[in-house]
Every structure is written in structure tokens, then in C-alpha cells.
Amino acid sequence: MTTINILNLKCNGCANTIKKGLLSIDGVNEVVVTLENSEIQINQVSDTILTMVKEKLSKMGYPEVGDANTVMHKAKSFVSCATGKMSSD
């Protein structure tokens, strides 16, 4: 498993959105989100796919720890969070 620590992870709604988004990437077939540590684990992937995963996370508003966490990232994470809450029913 590959571990990525991210920013802006708040709740299960966020986790649902992240799982759905990352599983849509070819080559990613397992995603574990740990809220307490703001951590994502994915199946072992190539460097190319890992780059795609990190870009997708950033576009959804969950940049990797150490990357810029702009107001836009924070706003996108709130939208992703709300979307995830609605789809978790």
C-alpha cells in the first residue's frame, strides 16, 4: 500500500468523495481513508498513477501535506464534502 497524507479531510462525506474519485483512476482498485490521521492508502501503483492520484486529490480540494493549501482547495473540499455526504445514503 502507498500512503498519502492530505489536507482538508473533515468527515466521512470527504472520505466517500475521495474513494469514489480515486477509484475512477485506472490502476487504483483499493482506497482506504483514515480520518484521524488525514491519510489515504491506495494499492501499490506506478509513479505515473501516483502522480495522477495526487493531482486528482488536489483538484478535489485535498492537496498532499506539504503542497500549497489555497483558498480554492479549501472551497473545493467543502463542496466535495457535501457531495460525499449526499451520496453516502
N, C-alpha and C. Protein backbone atom coordinates (compact mmCIF):
# COMPACT_ATOMS: atom_id res chain seq x y z
N MET A 1 0.84 -1.19 0.00
CA MET A 1 0.00 0.00 0.00
C MET A 1 0.89 1.25 0.00
N THR A 2 0.40 2.27 -0.68
CA THR A 2 1.06 3.57 -0.72
C THR A 2 0.25 4.53 0.14
N THR A 3 0.91 5.28 1.00
CA THR A 3 0.23 6.20 1.92
C THR A 3 0.48 7.63 1.50
N ILE A 4 -0.60 8.43 1.51
CA ILE A 4 -0.52 9.86 1.19
C ILE A 4 -1.22 10.61 2.32
N ASN A 5 -0.54 11.55 2.93
CA ASN A 5 -1.15 12.41 3.95
C ASN A 5 -1.70 13.65 3.26
N ILE A 6 -2.96 13.97 3.53
CA ILE A 6 -3.62 15.07 2.83
C ILE A 6 -4.14 16.13 3.80
N LEU A 7 -4.52 17.25 3.24
CA LEU A 7 -5.10 18.37 3.99
C LEU A 7 -6.60 18.43 3.73
N ASN A 8 -7.33 19.09 4.61
CA ASN A 8 -8.76 19.41 4.47
C ASN A 8 -9.71 18.23 4.64
N LEU A 9 -9.24 17.08 5.08
CA LEU A 9 -10.11 15.93 5.31
C LEU A 9 -10.87 16.15 6.61
N LYS A 10 -12.20 16.19 6.52
CA LYS A 10 -13.01 16.54 7.68
C LYS A 10 -13.93 15.43 8.18
N CYS A 11 -14.49 14.62 7.26
CA CYS A 11 -15.54 13.71 7.69
C CYS A 11 -15.71 12.56 6.71
N ASN A 12 -16.68 11.72 6.97
CA ASN A 12 -16.97 10.59 6.09
C ASN A 12 -17.47 11.04 4.72
N GLY A 13 -18.09 12.21 4.65
CA GLY A 13 -18.50 12.75 3.35
C GLY A 13 -17.29 12.99 2.47
N CYS A 14 -16.25 13.56 3.06
CA CYS A 14 -14.99 13.76 2.33
C CYS A 14 -14.43 12.40 1.91
N ALA A 15 -14.42 11.47 2.83
CA ALA A 15 -13.87 10.14 2.55
C ALA A 15 -14.60 9.47 1.39
N ASN A 16 -15.93 9.57 1.37
CA ASN A 16 -16.71 8.97 0.28
C ASN A 16 -16.35 9.58 -1.06
N THR A 17 -16.22 10.90 -1.10
CA THR A 17 -15.86 11.58 -2.35
C THR A 17 -14.47 11.17 -2.81
N ILE A 18 -13.54 11.10 -1.88
CA ILE A 18 -12.16 10.71 -2.21
C ILE A 18 -12.13 9.29 -2.76
N LYS A 19 -12.79 8.36 -2.08
CA LYS A 19 -12.81 6.97 -2.55
C LYS A 19 -13.38 6.87 -3.96
N LYS A 20 -14.50 7.50 -4.17
CA LYS A 20 -15.15 7.45 -5.49
C LYS A 20 -14.24 8.06 -6.55
N GLY A 21 -13.64 9.20 -6.25
CA GLY A 21 -12.78 9.88 -7.21
C GLY A 21 -11.54 9.07 -7.54
N LEU A 22 -10.90 8.51 -6.54
CA LEU A 22 -9.66 7.77 -6.79
C LEU A 22 -9.92 6.43 -7.46
N LEU A 23 -11.02 5.79 -7.13
CA LEU A 23 -11.34 4.51 -7.76
C LEU A 23 -11.68 4.67 -9.24
N SER A 24 -11.94 5.90 -9.68
CA SER A 24 -12.22 6.14 -11.10
C SER A 24 -10.94 6.17 -11.94
N ILE A 25 -9.78 6.15 -11.28
CA ILE A 25 -8.50 6.16 -11.98
C ILE A 25 -8.09 4.73 -12.29
N ASP A 26 -7.84 4.45 -13.57
CA ASP A 26 -7.39 3.11 -13.97
C ASP A 26 -6.12 2.75 -13.22
N GLY A 27 -6.11 1.58 -12.61
CA GLY A 27 -4.95 1.11 -11.86
C GLY A 27 -5.13 1.23 -10.37
N VAL A 28 -6.09 2.05 -9.93
CA VAL A 28 -6.39 2.17 -8.49
C VAL A 28 -7.60 1.30 -8.22
N ASN A 29 -7.41 0.26 -7.40
CA ASN A 29 -8.53 -0.63 -7.11
C ASN A 29 -8.78 -0.82 -5.62
N GLU A 30 -7.99 -0.13 -4.80
CA GLU A 30 -8.22 -0.18 -3.36
C GLU A 30 -7.87 1.18 -2.77
N VAL A 31 -8.81 1.75 -2.00
CA VAL A 31 -8.60 3.04 -1.34
C VAL A 31 -9.09 2.93 0.10
N VAL A 32 -8.22 3.26 1.05
CA VAL A 32 -8.58 3.29 2.46
C VAL A 32 -8.33 4.71 2.95
N VAL A 33 -9.36 5.32 3.57
CA VAL A 33 -9.23 6.68 4.09
C VAL A 33 -9.31 6.61 5.61
N THR A 34 -8.30 7.16 6.28
CA THR A 34 -8.27 7.20 7.74
C THR A 34 -8.44 8.65 8.18
N LEU A 35 -9.62 8.96 8.72
CA LEU A 35 -9.94 10.34 9.11
C LEU A 35 -9.00 10.87 10.18
N GLU A 36 -8.72 10.05 11.19
CA GLU A 36 -7.94 10.51 12.35
C GLU A 36 -6.57 11.03 11.95
N ASN A 37 -5.97 10.43 10.92
CA ASN A 37 -4.62 10.80 10.50
C ASN A 37 -4.60 11.61 9.21
N SER A 38 -5.77 11.90 8.65
CA SER A 38 -5.86 12.56 7.34
C SER A 38 -4.97 11.83 6.33
N GLU A 39 -5.21 10.53 6.26
CA GLU A 39 -4.33 9.65 5.49
C GLU A 39 -5.13 8.84 4.48
N ILE A 40 -4.56 8.70 3.31
CA ILE A 40 -5.14 7.88 2.25
C ILE A 40 -4.16 6.76 1.96
N GLN A 41 -4.67 5.56 1.83
CA GLN A 41 -3.84 4.44 1.39
C GLN A 41 -4.45 3.88 0.12
N ILE A 42 -3.60 3.66 -0.87
CA ILE A 42 -4.04 3.06 -2.12
C ILE A 42 -3.16 1.86 -2.42
N ASN A 43 -3.69 0.95 -3.26
CA ASN A 43 -2.89 -0.19 -3.68
C ASN A 43 -1.59 0.31 -4.31
N GLN A 44 -0.57 -0.50 -4.27
CA GLN A 44 0.72 -0.13 -4.85
C GLN A 44 0.54 0.19 -6.33
N VAL A 45 0.95 1.37 -6.73
CA VAL A 45 0.75 1.82 -8.12
C VAL A 45 2.06 2.35 -8.68
N SER A 46 2.09 2.54 -9.99
CA SER A 46 3.26 3.11 -10.65
C SER A 46 3.39 4.59 -10.28
N ASP A 47 4.56 5.14 -10.54
CA ASP A 47 4.78 6.57 -10.28
C ASP A 47 3.83 7.44 -11.09
N THR A 48 3.53 7.02 -12.32
CA THR A 48 2.62 7.77 -13.18
C THR A 48 1.22 7.83 -12.57
N ILE A 49 0.74 6.68 -12.10
CA ILE A 49 -0.60 6.64 -11.49
C ILE A 49 -0.59 7.40 -10.17
N LEU A 50 0.48 7.29 -9.39
CA LEU A 50 0.57 8.02 -8.13
C LEU A 50 0.49 9.53 -8.38
N THR A 51 1.14 10.01 -9.42
CA THR A 51 1.06 11.43 -9.79
C THR A 51 -0.39 11.79 -10.14
N MET A 52 -1.07 10.92 -10.89
CA MET A 52 -2.47 11.16 -11.24
C MET A 52 -3.34 11.21 -9.98
N VAL A 53 -3.07 10.33 -9.02
CA VAL A 53 -3.83 10.30 -7.77
C VAL A 53 -3.66 11.61 -7.02
N LYS A 54 -2.41 12.07 -6.90
CA LYS A 54 -2.15 13.30 -6.17
C LYS A 54 -2.78 14.51 -6.86
N GLU A 55 -2.75 14.52 -8.19
CA GLU A 55 -3.40 15.61 -8.94
C GLU A 55 -4.91 15.58 -8.73
N LYS A 56 -5.50 14.39 -8.76
CA LYS A 56 -6.94 14.25 -8.55
C LYS A 56 -7.32 14.72 -7.15
N LEU A 57 -6.55 14.31 -6.14
CA LEU A 57 -6.81 14.76 -4.77
C LEU A 57 -6.78 16.29 -4.69
N SER A 58 -5.78 16.89 -5.29
CA SER A 58 -5.65 18.35 -5.26
C SER A 58 -6.83 19.02 -5.94
N LYS A 59 -7.24 18.48 -7.10
CA LYS A 59 -8.37 19.05 -7.83
C LYS A 59 -9.67 18.94 -7.03
N MET A 60 -9.78 17.91 -6.18
CA MET A 60 -10.98 17.74 -5.35
C MET A 60 -10.91 18.59 -4.09
N GLY A 61 -9.74 19.22 -3.82
CA GLY A 61 -9.60 20.08 -2.65
C GLY A 61 -8.83 19.45 -1.51
N TYR A 62 -8.12 18.34 -1.79
CA TYR A 62 -7.38 17.63 -0.75
C TYR A 62 -5.91 17.48 -1.14
N PRO A 63 -5.16 18.60 -1.14
CA PRO A 63 -3.75 18.51 -1.54
C PRO A 63 -2.93 17.71 -0.53
N GLU A 64 -1.82 17.19 -1.01
CA GLU A 64 -0.92 16.45 -0.14
C GLU A 64 -0.29 17.40 0.88
N VAL A 65 -0.03 16.90 2.09
CA VAL A 65 0.66 17.69 3.10
C VAL A 65 1.99 18.15 2.51
N GLY A 66 2.28 19.42 2.67
CA GLY A 66 3.50 20.00 2.11
C GLY A 66 3.24 20.79 0.84
N ASP A 67 2.12 20.51 0.17
CA ASP A 67 1.74 21.28 -1.01
C ASP A 67 0.95 22.51 -0.57
N ALA A 68 0.79 23.45 -1.46
CA ALA A 68 0.01 24.65 -1.16
C ALA A 68 -1.44 24.27 -0.85
N ASN A 69 -2.00 24.89 0.17
CA ASN A 69 -3.41 24.68 0.53
C ASN A 69 -4.11 26.03 0.37
N THR A 70 -4.51 26.32 -0.85
CA THR A 70 -5.08 27.62 -1.18
C THR A 70 -6.54 27.72 -0.74
N VAL A 71 -7.07 28.92 -0.80
CA VAL A 71 -8.48 29.13 -0.52
C VAL A 71 -9.33 28.30 -1.49
N MET A 72 -8.88 28.17 -2.74
CA MET A 72 -9.60 27.37 -3.72
C MET A 72 -9.64 25.90 -3.30
N HIS A 73 -8.53 25.36 -2.80
CA HIS A 73 -8.52 23.98 -2.31
C HIS A 73 -9.54 23.81 -1.18
N LYS A 74 -9.52 24.76 -0.26
CA LYS A 74 -10.44 24.67 0.88
C LYS A 74 -11.89 24.73 0.42
N ALA A 75 -12.20 25.61 -0.52
CA ALA A 75 -13.56 25.73 -1.04
C ALA A 75 -13.98 24.44 -1.75
N LYS A 76 -13.09 23.90 -2.56
CA LYS A 76 -13.40 22.66 -3.27
C LYS A 76 -13.62 21.51 -2.29
N SER A 77 -12.86 21.47 -1.20
CA SER A 77 -13.03 20.39 -0.24
C SER A 77 -14.40 20.47 0.44
N PHE A 78 -14.91 21.68 0.67
CA PHE A 78 -16.25 21.81 1.25
C PHE A 78 -17.31 21.28 0.30
N VAL A 79 -17.16 21.57 -0.99
CA VAL A 79 -18.11 21.06 -1.99
C VAL A 79 -18.00 19.54 -2.08
N SER A 80 -16.76 19.02 -2.10
CA SER A 80 -16.56 17.57 -2.15
C SER A 80 -17.16 16.90 -0.93
N CYS A 81 -16.99 17.53 0.21
CA CYS A 81 -17.53 17.02 1.47
C CYS A 81 -19.06 16.90 1.39
N ALA A 82 -19.70 17.98 0.94
CA ALA A 82 -21.16 17.99 0.84
C ALA A 82 -21.65 16.95 -0.16
N THR A 83 -20.95 16.84 -1.27
CA THR A 83 -21.32 15.85 -2.29
C THR A 83 -21.20 14.44 -1.72
N GLY A 84 -20.13 14.19 -0.99
CA GLY A 84 -19.92 12.88 -0.38
C GLY A 84 -20.97 12.53 0.65
N LYS A 85 -21.42 13.54 1.41
CA LYS A 85 -22.48 13.30 2.40
C LYS A 85 -23.78 12.93 1.72
N MET A 86 -24.09 13.59 0.59
CA MET A 86 -25.33 13.31 -0.12
C MET A 86 -25.31 11.93 -0.77
N SER A 87 -24.15 11.49 -1.20
CA SER A 87 -24.07 10.20 -1.90
C SER A 87 -23.82 9.03 -0.96
N SER A 88 -23.71 9.28 0.34
CA SER A 88 -23.42 8.20 1.28
C SER A 88 -24.69 7.53 1.82
N ASP A 89 -25.86 7.98 1.35
CA ASP A 89 -27.12 7.40 1.84
C ASP A 89 -27.28 5.96 1.43
